[in-house]
Amino acid sequence: MNYLAHLFLAKPTADSHFGNLLGDFSKGVDLSALPPTVKEGLKNHYLVDNFTDRHPLIQDGRHLFSKEKRRFSGIAIDVLFDYFLIKHWSTFSTQSFIAFKQQSYRLLAQNQSMMPAKMRRVTQHMIQHDWFLSYSDLSGIGQALDNIAARIRFENKFSGSIEEIQLHYESLESIFLGFFPELVAYIEHNGCEV
């Protein structure tokens, strides 16, 4: 899952938000020095990722992408699912999306000093440029995916993935609506956070 979904499945605390995003930035970090509340968030991040990566609906979604783009289709689905989460927000939360977004940015800002340098840069950029607002529009998702493609260190054909998403939009939305309630239930039962 991508950033918004990880934060949605976190507790509304600064340590939980930090931990739930840290999984994408933890390489080389001395995890033993982290507070237990951050470690719980990190554990939750890994539970979410493991459940997602193994889920049959996600595998079905990956096969909707062409062979040229399938290698990175998991990334495309992760980012796209943030868009679908925003689109269907009221199905999953009684808190408004705007209130959640503002709260999440505030909580992420509180632990900037503890974050690894790359995570600090990403979260500062996320807050400054309001990534979650851009995720509410399909063109913003396309731009985010093209930015990811440009950062991949080797030649790839991931750029332009939004065209394949648009081609299979209804199927991917159906997959999200089948999958996400199962993820929420799984984390409520097995996670440290919800």
N, C-alpha and C. Protein backbone atom coordinates (compact mmCIF):
# COMPACT_ATOMS: atom_id res chain seq x y z
N MET A 1 0.84 -1.19 0.00
CA MET A 1 0.00 0.00 0.00
C MET A 1 0.88 1.25 0.00
N ASN A 2 0.28 2.33 -0.41
CA ASN A 2 1.02 3.59 -0.49
C ASN A 2 0.83 4.41 0.79
N TYR A 3 1.39 5.61 0.82
CA TYR A 3 1.47 6.41 2.04
C TYR A 3 0.12 6.67 2.70
N LEU A 4 -0.87 7.09 1.94
CA LEU A 4 -2.16 7.43 2.55
C LEU A 4 -2.78 6.22 3.23
N ALA A 5 -2.79 5.09 2.57
CA ALA A 5 -3.38 3.89 3.16
C ALA A 5 -2.65 3.47 4.42
N HIS A 6 -1.32 3.56 4.42
CA HIS A 6 -0.55 3.23 5.62
C HIS A 6 -0.94 4.15 6.79
N LEU A 7 -1.10 5.42 6.51
CA LEU A 7 -1.48 6.35 7.58
C LEU A 7 -2.92 6.14 8.01
N PHE A 8 -3.79 5.77 7.09
CA PHE A 8 -5.17 5.47 7.43
C PHE A 8 -5.24 4.31 8.43
N LEU A 9 -4.32 3.37 8.31
CA LEU A 9 -4.30 2.18 9.18
C LEU A 9 -3.43 2.37 10.41
N ALA A 10 -2.98 3.59 10.64
CA ALA A 10 -2.18 3.93 11.83
C ALA A 10 -3.07 4.50 12.92
N LYS A 11 -2.52 4.55 14.13
CA LYS A 11 -3.18 5.27 15.21
C LYS A 11 -3.00 6.78 14.97
N PRO A 12 -3.88 7.60 15.51
CA PRO A 12 -3.74 9.05 15.32
C PRO A 12 -2.72 9.67 16.27
N THR A 13 -1.48 9.13 16.23
CA THR A 13 -0.39 9.66 17.05
C THR A 13 0.83 9.89 16.15
N ALA A 14 1.72 10.76 16.59
CA ALA A 14 2.92 11.06 15.81
C ALA A 14 3.81 9.83 15.67
N ASP A 15 3.98 9.06 16.75
CA ASP A 15 4.84 7.87 16.70
C ASP A 15 4.28 6.81 15.77
N SER A 16 2.97 6.62 15.80
CA SER A 16 2.35 5.63 14.93
C SER A 16 2.47 6.04 13.46
N HIS A 17 2.25 7.30 13.17
CA HIS A 17 2.38 7.77 11.79
C HIS A 17 3.82 7.60 11.31
N PHE A 18 4.76 7.96 12.15
CA PHE A 18 6.18 7.78 11.82
C PHE A 18 6.46 6.31 11.52
N GLY A 19 6.08 5.43 12.43
CA GLY A 19 6.35 4.00 12.27
C GLY A 19 5.67 3.40 11.05
N ASN A 20 4.45 3.82 10.79
CA ASN A 20 3.70 3.26 9.67
C ASN A 20 4.24 3.67 8.31
N LEU A 21 5.01 4.76 8.24
CA LEU A 21 5.67 5.11 6.98
C LEU A 21 7.13 4.67 6.95
N LEU A 22 7.71 4.42 8.11
CA LEU A 22 9.13 4.10 8.20
C LEU A 22 9.51 2.86 7.40
N GLY A 23 8.58 1.94 7.23
CA GLY A 23 8.89 0.70 6.50
C GLY A 23 9.46 0.95 5.11
N ASP A 24 9.09 2.05 4.50
CA ASP A 24 9.61 2.38 3.17
C ASP A 24 10.97 3.07 3.22
N PHE A 25 11.46 3.36 4.42
CA PHE A 25 12.70 4.13 4.57
C PHE A 25 13.64 3.51 5.62
N SER A 26 13.40 2.27 6.02
CA SER A 26 14.09 1.72 7.19
C SER A 26 15.45 1.10 6.90
N LYS A 27 15.83 1.00 5.63
CA LYS A 27 17.12 0.40 5.29
C LYS A 27 18.25 1.19 5.95
N GLY A 28 19.08 0.50 6.73
CA GLY A 28 20.22 1.12 7.39
C GLY A 28 19.90 1.85 8.67
N VAL A 29 18.64 1.82 9.11
CA VAL A 29 18.23 2.51 10.34
C VAL A 29 18.41 1.58 11.53
N ASP A 30 18.95 2.10 12.62
CA ASP A 30 19.07 1.34 13.86
C ASP A 30 17.70 1.28 14.53
N LEU A 31 16.97 0.22 14.25
CA LEU A 31 15.61 0.10 14.75
C LEU A 31 15.56 -0.09 16.26
N SER A 32 16.64 -0.62 16.84
CA SER A 32 16.65 -0.86 18.29
C SER A 32 16.58 0.44 19.09
N ALA A 33 16.97 1.54 18.47
CA ALA A 33 16.97 2.83 19.16
C ALA A 33 15.60 3.52 19.13
N LEU A 34 14.66 2.95 18.41
CA LEU A 34 13.34 3.58 18.27
C LEU A 34 12.45 3.31 19.48
N PRO A 35 11.57 4.24 19.82
CA PRO A 35 10.59 4.00 20.90
C PRO A 35 9.66 2.84 20.52
N PRO A 36 9.17 2.10 21.51
CA PRO A 36 8.26 0.97 21.23
C PRO A 36 7.03 1.37 20.41
N THR A 37 6.52 2.57 20.61
CA THR A 37 5.33 3.01 19.86
C THR A 37 5.63 3.17 18.38
N VAL A 38 6.86 3.57 18.04
CA VAL A 38 7.26 3.67 16.64
C VAL A 38 7.44 2.26 16.07
N LYS A 39 8.04 1.36 16.86
CA LYS A 39 8.23 -0.03 16.41
C LYS A 39 6.89 -0.72 16.14
N GLU A 40 5.88 -0.41 16.95
CA GLU A 40 4.55 -0.97 16.70
C GLU A 40 4.01 -0.51 15.36
N GLY A 41 4.20 0.77 15.05
CA GLY A 41 3.78 1.29 13.75
C GLY A 41 4.52 0.63 12.61
N LEU A 42 5.82 0.41 12.79
CA LEU A 42 6.62 -0.27 11.76
C LEU A 42 6.13 -1.70 11.55
N LYS A 43 5.83 -2.39 12.63
CA LYS A 43 5.30 -3.75 12.53
C LYS A 43 3.98 -3.73 11.75
N ASN A 44 3.16 -2.74 12.02
CA ASN A 44 1.89 -2.61 11.32
C ASN A 44 2.12 -2.40 9.82
N HIS A 45 3.12 -1.58 9.48
CA HIS A 45 3.47 -1.35 8.07
C HIS A 45 3.75 -2.68 7.38
N TYR A 46 4.56 -3.52 8.02
CA TYR A 46 4.93 -4.80 7.40
C TYR A 46 3.73 -5.75 7.31
N LEU A 47 2.85 -5.73 8.30
CA LEU A 47 1.63 -6.54 8.23
C LEU A 47 0.79 -6.14 7.02
N VAL A 48 0.63 -4.83 6.83
CA VAL A 48 -0.15 -4.31 5.70
C VAL A 48 0.49 -4.76 4.38
N ASP A 49 1.80 -4.57 4.25
CA ASP A 49 2.47 -4.92 3.00
C ASP A 49 2.41 -6.41 2.72
N ASN A 50 2.63 -7.24 3.73
CA ASN A 50 2.60 -8.69 3.53
C ASN A 50 1.21 -9.17 3.13
N PHE A 51 0.19 -8.67 3.80
CA PHE A 51 -1.18 -9.04 3.46
C PHE A 51 -1.50 -8.62 2.03
N THR A 52 -1.12 -7.41 1.68
CA THR A 52 -1.41 -6.87 0.35
C THR A 52 -0.69 -7.67 -0.73
N ASP A 53 0.60 -7.89 -0.56
CA ASP A 53 1.40 -8.55 -1.60
C ASP A 53 0.93 -9.97 -1.88
N ARG A 54 0.33 -10.63 -0.89
CA ARG A 54 -0.07 -12.04 -1.06
C ARG A 54 -1.54 -12.21 -1.43
N HIS A 55 -2.27 -11.12 -1.46
CA HIS A 55 -3.72 -11.23 -1.65
C HIS A 55 -4.04 -11.57 -3.11
N PRO A 56 -4.94 -12.55 -3.33
CA PRO A 56 -5.29 -12.95 -4.70
C PRO A 56 -5.87 -11.82 -5.55
N LEU A 57 -6.63 -10.92 -4.95
CA LEU A 57 -7.18 -9.80 -5.73
C LEU A 57 -6.07 -8.89 -6.25
N ILE A 58 -5.04 -8.70 -5.45
CA ILE A 58 -3.91 -7.87 -5.90
C ILE A 58 -3.19 -8.56 -7.04
N GLN A 59 -3.03 -9.87 -6.94
CA GLN A 59 -2.41 -10.62 -8.04
C GLN A 59 -3.24 -10.49 -9.32
N ASP A 60 -4.56 -10.56 -9.17
CA ASP A 60 -5.44 -10.37 -10.33
C ASP A 60 -5.23 -8.98 -10.94
N GLY A 61 -5.12 -7.98 -10.09
CA GLY A 61 -4.90 -6.61 -10.56
C GLY A 61 -3.59 -6.46 -11.31
N ARG A 62 -2.57 -7.10 -10.81
CA ARG A 62 -1.26 -6.99 -11.47
C ARG A 62 -1.30 -7.56 -12.88
N HIS A 63 -2.12 -8.59 -13.08
CA HIS A 63 -2.19 -9.22 -14.40
C HIS A 63 -3.00 -8.40 -15.41
N LEU A 64 -3.64 -7.33 -14.96
CA LEU A 64 -4.33 -6.44 -15.89
C LEU A 64 -3.34 -5.57 -16.67
N PHE A 65 -2.13 -5.44 -16.14
CA PHE A 65 -1.12 -4.60 -16.78
C PHE A 65 -0.37 -5.38 -17.86
N SER A 66 0.09 -4.67 -18.86
CA SER A 66 0.85 -5.30 -19.94
C SER A 66 2.16 -5.88 -19.40
N LYS A 67 2.75 -6.78 -20.18
CA LYS A 67 4.02 -7.38 -19.77
C LYS A 67 5.09 -6.31 -19.56
N GLU A 68 5.04 -5.25 -20.36
CA GLU A 68 6.03 -4.18 -20.25
C GLU A 68 5.94 -3.46 -18.91
N LYS A 69 4.76 -3.37 -18.35
CA LYS A 69 4.57 -2.61 -17.11
C LYS A 69 4.34 -3.49 -15.89
N ARG A 70 4.20 -4.77 -16.08
CA ARG A 70 3.81 -5.66 -14.98
C ARG A 70 4.86 -5.70 -13.86
N ARG A 71 6.12 -5.54 -14.20
CA ARG A 71 7.17 -5.60 -13.18
C ARG A 71 6.91 -4.59 -12.06
N PHE A 72 6.37 -3.43 -12.43
CA PHE A 72 6.11 -2.37 -11.46
C PHE A 72 4.61 -2.18 -11.18
N SER A 73 3.81 -3.15 -11.58
CA SER A 73 2.36 -3.01 -11.42
C SER A 73 1.95 -2.94 -9.95
N GLY A 74 2.70 -3.56 -9.07
CA GLY A 74 2.40 -3.48 -7.64
C GLY A 74 2.50 -2.04 -7.14
N ILE A 75 3.49 -1.32 -7.63
CA ILE A 75 3.65 0.09 -7.26
C ILE A 75 2.47 0.89 -7.80
N ALA A 76 2.11 0.63 -9.06
CA ALA A 76 0.98 1.35 -9.66
C ALA A 76 -0.30 1.12 -8.87
N ILE A 77 -0.53 -0.12 -8.47
CA ILE A 77 -1.74 -0.44 -7.70
C ILE A 77 -1.70 0.24 -6.33
N ASP A 78 -0.55 0.22 -5.67
CA ASP A 78 -0.43 0.88 -4.37
C ASP A 78 -0.81 2.35 -4.45
N VAL A 79 -0.26 3.05 -5.43
CA VAL A 79 -0.53 4.48 -5.56
C VAL A 79 -1.99 4.70 -5.97
N LEU A 80 -2.47 3.91 -6.91
CA LEU A 80 -3.86 4.04 -7.36
C LEU A 80 -4.84 3.81 -6.21
N PHE A 81 -4.51 2.88 -5.33
CA PHE A 81 -5.43 2.59 -4.23
C PHE A 81 -5.57 3.77 -3.27
N ASP A 82 -4.56 4.64 -3.18
CA ASP A 82 -4.74 5.88 -2.41
C ASP A 82 -5.83 6.74 -3.06
N TYR A 83 -5.84 6.79 -4.39
CA TYR A 83 -6.88 7.53 -5.11
C TYR A 83 -8.26 6.94 -4.80
N PHE A 84 -8.37 5.60 -4.89
CA PHE A 84 -9.66 4.96 -4.63
C PHE A 84 -10.08 5.13 -3.16
N LEU A 85 -9.12 5.12 -2.25
CA LEU A 85 -9.44 5.35 -0.84
C LEU A 85 -10.06 6.73 -0.66
N ILE A 86 -9.49 7.73 -1.31
CA ILE A 86 -10.05 9.08 -1.22
C ILE A 86 -11.43 9.12 -1.87
N LYS A 87 -11.57 8.51 -3.03
CA LYS A 87 -12.84 8.51 -3.74
C LYS A 87 -13.95 7.88 -2.90
N HIS A 88 -13.63 6.83 -2.16
CA HIS A 88 -14.62 6.10 -1.37
C HIS A 88 -14.44 6.35 0.14
N TRP A 89 -13.86 7.49 0.48
CA TRP A 89 -13.48 7.80 1.85
C TRP A 89 -14.62 7.58 2.84
N SER A 90 -15.80 8.08 2.53
CA SER A 90 -16.92 8.00 3.49
C SER A 90 -17.37 6.57 3.75
N THR A 91 -16.98 5.64 2.90
CA THR A 91 -17.28 4.23 3.13
C THR A 91 -16.44 3.68 4.28
N PHE A 92 -15.25 4.24 4.47
CA PHE A 92 -14.29 3.69 5.42
C PHE A 92 -14.04 4.56 6.65
N SER A 93 -14.49 5.81 6.62
CA SER A 93 -14.19 6.70 7.74
C SER A 93 -15.33 7.68 7.98
N THR A 94 -15.57 7.98 9.26
CA THR A 94 -16.54 9.02 9.61
C THR A 94 -15.86 10.39 9.67
N GLN A 95 -14.55 10.40 9.78
CA GLN A 95 -13.79 11.66 9.75
C GLN A 95 -13.67 12.13 8.31
N SER A 96 -13.78 13.41 8.06
CA SER A 96 -13.64 13.90 6.69
C SER A 96 -12.21 13.68 6.20
N PHE A 97 -12.08 13.54 4.89
CA PHE A 97 -10.76 13.35 4.31
C PHE A 97 -9.87 14.57 4.59
N ILE A 98 -10.42 15.76 4.47
CA ILE A 98 -9.63 16.99 4.71
C ILE A 98 -9.11 17.01 6.14
N ALA A 99 -9.96 16.67 7.10
CA ALA A 99 -9.54 16.67 8.51
C ALA A 99 -8.46 15.61 8.73
N PHE A 100 -8.63 14.43 8.13
CA PHE A 100 -7.64 13.37 8.27
C PHE A 100 -6.30 13.80 7.67
N LYS A 101 -6.36 14.38 6.49
CA LYS A 101 -5.14 14.81 5.79
C LYS A 101 -4.38 15.84 6.62
N GLN A 102 -5.08 16.82 7.13
CA GLN A 102 -4.44 17.86 7.93
C GLN A 102 -3.85 17.28 9.21
N GLN A 103 -4.58 16.37 9.85
CA GLN A 103 -4.09 15.72 11.06
C GLN A 103 -2.83 14.90 10.75
N SER A 104 -2.85 14.15 9.65
CA SER A 104 -1.69 13.32 9.29
C SER A 104 -0.46 14.16 9.01
N TYR A 105 -0.62 15.25 8.28
CA TYR A 105 0.52 16.13 8.02
C TYR A 105 1.08 16.70 9.32
N ARG A 106 0.19 17.10 10.22
CA ARG A 106 0.63 17.66 11.51
C ARG A 106 1.40 16.60 12.31
N LEU A 107 0.89 15.37 12.34
CA LEU A 107 1.54 14.30 13.11
C LEU A 107 2.88 13.92 12.49
N LEU A 108 2.96 13.88 11.17
CA LEU A 108 4.25 13.57 10.53
C LEU A 108 5.28 14.65 10.82
N ALA A 109 4.86 15.90 10.85
CA ALA A 109 5.78 17.01 11.11
C ALA A 109 6.38 16.92 12.51
N GLN A 110 5.66 16.33 13.45
CA GLN A 110 6.14 16.30 14.85
C GLN A 110 7.38 15.44 15.04
N ASN A 111 7.57 14.41 14.21
CA ASN A 111 8.71 13.50 14.40
C ASN A 111 9.78 13.66 13.33
N GLN A 112 9.81 14.79 12.65
CA GLN A 112 10.79 14.99 11.59
C GLN A 112 12.23 14.79 12.08
N SER A 113 12.51 15.23 13.30
CA SER A 113 13.89 15.14 13.80
C SER A 113 14.35 13.70 13.99
N MET A 114 13.44 12.77 14.20
CA MET A 114 13.81 11.36 14.39
C MET A 114 13.90 10.59 13.07
N MET A 115 13.37 11.15 12.00
CA MET A 115 13.27 10.41 10.73
C MET A 115 14.63 10.31 10.04
N PRO A 116 14.85 9.18 9.35
CA PRO A 116 16.03 9.11 8.47
C PRO A 116 15.97 10.26 7.45
N ALA A 117 17.11 10.69 6.96
CA ALA A 117 17.18 11.87 6.10
C ALA A 117 16.26 11.77 4.89
N LYS A 118 16.24 10.61 4.22
CA LYS A 118 15.40 10.47 3.03
C LYS A 118 13.92 10.58 3.39
N MET A 119 13.53 9.96 4.49
CA MET A 119 12.13 10.03 4.92
C MET A 119 11.75 11.46 5.28
N ARG A 120 12.65 12.16 5.94
CA ARG A 120 12.40 13.56 6.31
C ARG A 120 12.17 14.40 5.06
N ARG A 121 13.03 14.21 4.03
CA ARG A 121 12.88 14.96 2.78
C ARG A 121 11.54 14.64 2.11
N VAL A 122 11.19 13.37 2.06
CA VAL A 122 9.95 12.96 1.39
C VAL A 122 8.73 13.50 2.14
N THR A 123 8.72 13.37 3.46
CA THR A 123 7.54 13.84 4.20
C THR A 123 7.43 15.37 4.16
N GLN A 124 8.56 16.06 4.18
CA GLN A 124 8.51 17.52 4.05
C GLN A 124 7.93 17.91 2.69
N HIS A 125 8.36 17.23 1.65
CA HIS A 125 7.86 17.49 0.30
C HIS A 125 6.37 17.12 0.22
N MET A 126 6.01 16.01 0.82
CA MET A 126 4.61 15.56 0.84
C MET A 126 3.70 16.63 1.46
N ILE A 127 4.13 17.17 2.59
CA ILE A 127 3.33 18.17 3.30
C ILE A 127 3.31 19.49 2.51
N GLN A 128 4.49 19.94 2.09
CA GLN A 128 4.61 21.23 1.40
C GLN A 128 3.79 21.25 0.11
N HIS A 129 3.79 20.14 -0.62
CA HIS A 129 3.12 20.09 -1.92
C HIS A 129 1.77 19.37 -1.86
N ASP A 130 1.32 19.03 -0.66
CA ASP A 130 0.00 18.43 -0.43
C ASP A 130 -0.26 17.26 -1.38
N TRP A 131 0.59 16.24 -1.25
CA TRP A 131 0.47 15.08 -2.12
C TRP A 131 -0.91 14.45 -2.05
N PHE A 132 -1.47 14.40 -0.84
CA PHE A 132 -2.75 13.70 -0.72
C PHE A 132 -3.87 14.41 -1.47
N LEU A 133 -3.77 15.71 -1.60
CA LEU A 133 -4.74 16.42 -2.43
C LEU A 133 -4.56 16.00 -3.89
N SER A 134 -3.31 15.91 -4.33
CA SER A 134 -3.07 15.51 -5.72
C SER A 134 -3.50 14.08 -5.98
N TYR A 135 -3.47 13.22 -4.94
CA TYR A 135 -3.91 11.84 -5.10
C TYR A 135 -5.43 11.73 -5.31
N SER A 136 -6.15 12.81 -5.07
CA SER A 136 -7.61 12.76 -5.23
C SER A 136 -8.03 12.94 -6.68
N ASP A 137 -7.08 13.13 -7.56
CA ASP A 137 -7.34 13.32 -8.99
C ASP A 137 -6.51 12.31 -9.77
N LEU A 138 -7.12 11.68 -10.76
CA LEU A 138 -6.42 10.65 -11.52
C LEU A 138 -5.19 11.20 -12.24
N SER A 139 -5.22 12.46 -12.65
CA SER A 139 -4.04 13.04 -13.29
C SER A 139 -2.89 13.17 -12.29
N GLY A 140 -3.22 13.42 -11.02
CA GLY A 140 -2.20 13.46 -9.97
C GLY A 140 -1.57 12.10 -9.76
N ILE A 141 -2.37 11.04 -9.87
CA ILE A 141 -1.84 9.68 -9.77
C ILE A 141 -0.89 9.41 -10.93
N GLY A 142 -1.30 9.81 -12.13
CA GLY A 142 -0.43 9.63 -13.29
C GLY A 142 0.90 10.34 -13.13
N GLN A 143 0.85 11.57 -12.61
CA GLN A 143 2.09 12.33 -12.38
C GLN A 143 2.96 11.65 -11.32
N ALA A 144 2.34 11.18 -10.25
CA ALA A 144 3.09 10.49 -9.20
C ALA A 144 3.78 9.24 -9.75
N LEU A 145 3.08 8.47 -10.58
CA LEU A 145 3.66 7.25 -11.15
C LEU A 145 4.79 7.59 -12.12
N ASP A 146 4.63 8.65 -12.91
CA ASP A 146 5.70 9.05 -13.83
C ASP A 146 6.92 9.55 -13.05
N ASN A 147 6.70 10.21 -11.92
CA ASN A 147 7.81 10.65 -11.07
C ASN A 147 8.57 9.44 -10.51
N ILE A 148 7.82 8.41 -10.11
CA ILE A 148 8.45 7.18 -9.62
C ILE A 148 9.27 6.54 -10.75
N ALA A 149 8.70 6.47 -11.94
CA ALA A 149 9.40 5.87 -13.09
C ALA A 149 10.72 6.59 -13.36
N ALA A 150 10.70 7.91 -13.22
CA ALA A 150 11.91 8.70 -13.48
C ALA A 150 12.99 8.45 -12.42
N ARG A 151 12.59 8.04 -11.22
CA ARG A 151 13.57 7.80 -10.14
C ARG A 151 14.14 6.39 -10.17
N ILE A 152 13.54 5.49 -10.93
CA ILE A 152 14.07 4.13 -11.02
C ILE A 152 15.44 4.20 -11.69
N ARG A 153 16.41 3.52 -11.12
CA ARG A 153 17.80 3.71 -11.51
C ARG A 153 18.21 2.98 -12.78
N PHE A 154 17.30 2.33 -13.43
CA PHE A 154 17.63 1.67 -14.68
C PHE A 154 16.51 1.93 -15.68
N GLU A 155 16.80 1.69 -16.95
CA GLU A 155 15.82 1.95 -17.99
C GLU A 155 14.59 1.07 -17.76
N ASN A 156 13.42 1.70 -17.91
CA ASN A 156 12.17 0.97 -17.66
C ASN A 156 11.07 1.56 -18.53
N LYS A 157 9.96 0.85 -18.56
CA LYS A 157 8.81 1.30 -19.36
C LYS A 157 7.61 1.57 -18.45
N PHE A 158 7.89 1.99 -17.22
CA PHE A 158 6.84 2.23 -16.23
C PHE A 158 6.11 3.55 -16.48
N SER A 159 6.80 4.51 -17.09
CA SER A 159 6.18 5.80 -17.39
C SER A 159 4.95 5.57 -18.27
N GLY A 160 3.91 6.37 -18.04
CA GLY A 160 2.68 6.23 -18.81
C GLY A 160 1.75 5.15 -18.31
N SER A 161 2.00 4.65 -17.11
CA SER A 161 1.16 3.58 -16.55
C SER A 161 -0.29 4.01 -16.39
N ILE A 162 -0.52 5.31 -16.28
CA ILE A 162 -1.89 5.79 -16.10
C ILE A 162 -2.79 5.39 -17.26
N GLU A 163 -2.22 5.24 -18.46
CA GLU A 163 -3.01 4.83 -19.62
C GLU A 163 -3.58 3.43 -19.41
N GLU A 164 -2.79 2.53 -18.84
CA GLU A 164 -3.29 1.18 -18.59
C GLU A 164 -4.27 1.18 -17.42
N ILE A 165 -4.06 2.05 -16.46
CA ILE A 165 -5.02 2.19 -15.36
C ILE A 165 -6.36 2.65 -15.92
N GLN A 166 -6.33 3.63 -16.79
CA GLN A 166 -7.59 4.12 -17.38
C GLN A 166 -8.29 3.04 -18.19
N LEU A 167 -7.52 2.22 -18.87
CA LEU A 167 -8.07 1.14 -19.66
C LEU A 167 -8.80 0.11 -18.79
N HIS A 168 -8.28 -0.13 -17.59
CA HIS A 168 -8.84 -1.15 -16.69
C HIS A 168 -9.43 -0.53 -15.42
N TYR A 169 -9.83 0.72 -15.52
CA TYR A 169 -10.27 1.49 -14.35
C TYR A 169 -11.36 0.76 -13.56
N GLU A 170 -12.41 0.32 -14.20
CA GLU A 170 -13.53 -0.30 -13.49
C GLU A 170 -13.11 -1.59 -12.79
N SER A 171 -12.29 -2.39 -13.45
CA SER A 171 -11.81 -3.63 -12.83
C SER A 171 -10.93 -3.34 -11.62
N LEU A 172 -10.05 -2.35 -11.75
CA LEU A 172 -9.17 -1.99 -10.64
C LEU A 172 -9.96 -1.41 -9.47
N GLU A 173 -10.97 -0.61 -9.76
CA GLU A 173 -11.81 -0.08 -8.69
C GLU A 173 -12.56 -1.20 -7.98
N SER A 174 -13.06 -2.16 -8.74
CA SER A 174 -13.75 -3.31 -8.16
C SER A 174 -12.80 -4.12 -7.26
N ILE A 175 -11.56 -4.28 -7.71
CA ILE A 175 -10.56 -4.98 -6.90
C ILE A 175 -10.33 -4.23 -5.59
N PHE A 176 -10.18 -2.91 -5.68
CA PHE A 176 -10.00 -2.12 -4.46
C PHE A 176 -11.17 -2.32 -3.50
N LEU A 177 -12.37 -2.22 -4.01
CA LEU A 177 -13.56 -2.31 -3.15
C LEU A 177 -13.73 -3.70 -2.55
N GLY A 178 -13.20 -4.71 -3.20
CA GLY A 178 -13.20 -6.05 -2.61
C GLY A 178 -12.08 -6.26 -1.62
N PHE A 179 -10.93 -5.68 -1.94
CA PHE A 179 -9.73 -5.90 -1.13
C PHE A 179 -9.67 -5.05 0.13
N PHE A 180 -9.93 -3.76 0.02
CA PHE A 180 -9.63 -2.86 1.13
C PHE A 180 -10.40 -3.19 2.41
N PRO A 181 -11.69 -3.53 2.34
CA PRO A 181 -12.37 -3.93 3.58
C PRO A 181 -11.72 -5.15 4.24
N GLU A 182 -11.20 -6.07 3.43
CA GLU A 182 -10.50 -7.23 3.99
C GLU A 182 -9.21 -6.81 4.68
N LEU A 183 -8.49 -5.87 4.08
CA LEU A 183 -7.27 -5.36 4.70
C LEU A 183 -7.58 -4.69 6.03
N VAL A 184 -8.59 -3.83 6.06
CA VAL A 184 -8.96 -3.14 7.29
C VAL A 184 -9.32 -4.16 8.37
N ALA A 185 -10.11 -5.17 8.02
CA ALA A 185 -10.51 -6.20 8.99
C ALA A 185 -9.30 -6.99 9.47
N TYR A 186 -8.38 -7.30 8.57
CA TYR A 186 -7.17 -8.04 8.94
C TYR A 186 -6.33 -7.25 9.94
N ILE A 187 -6.14 -5.96 9.68
CA ILE A 187 -5.34 -5.13 10.57
C ILE A 187 -6.06 -4.92 11.91
N GLU A 188 -7.37 -4.76 11.87
CA GLU A 188 -8.12 -4.63 13.14
C GLU A 188 -7.95 -5.87 14.00
N HIS A 189 -7.86 -7.03 13.36
CA HIS A 189 -7.73 -8.29 14.12
C HIS A 189 -6.30 -8.63 14.48
N ASN A 190 -5.35 -8.32 13.62
CA ASN A 190 -3.96 -8.77 13.80
C ASN A 190 -2.95 -7.67 14.06
N GLY A 191 -3.30 -6.42 13.76
CA GLY A 191 -2.33 -5.34 13.85
C GLY A 191 -2.19 -4.76 15.23
N CYS A 192 -1.24 -3.85 15.33
CA CYS A 192 -0.96 -3.16 16.58
C CYS A 192 -1.68 -1.83 16.64
N GLU A 193 -2.25 -1.40 15.53
CA GLU A 193 -2.58 0.00 15.40
C GLU A 193 -4.05 0.37 15.45
N VAL A 194 -4.90 -0.31 14.71
CA VAL A 194 -6.29 0.16 14.56
C VAL A 194 -7.11 -0.18 15.79
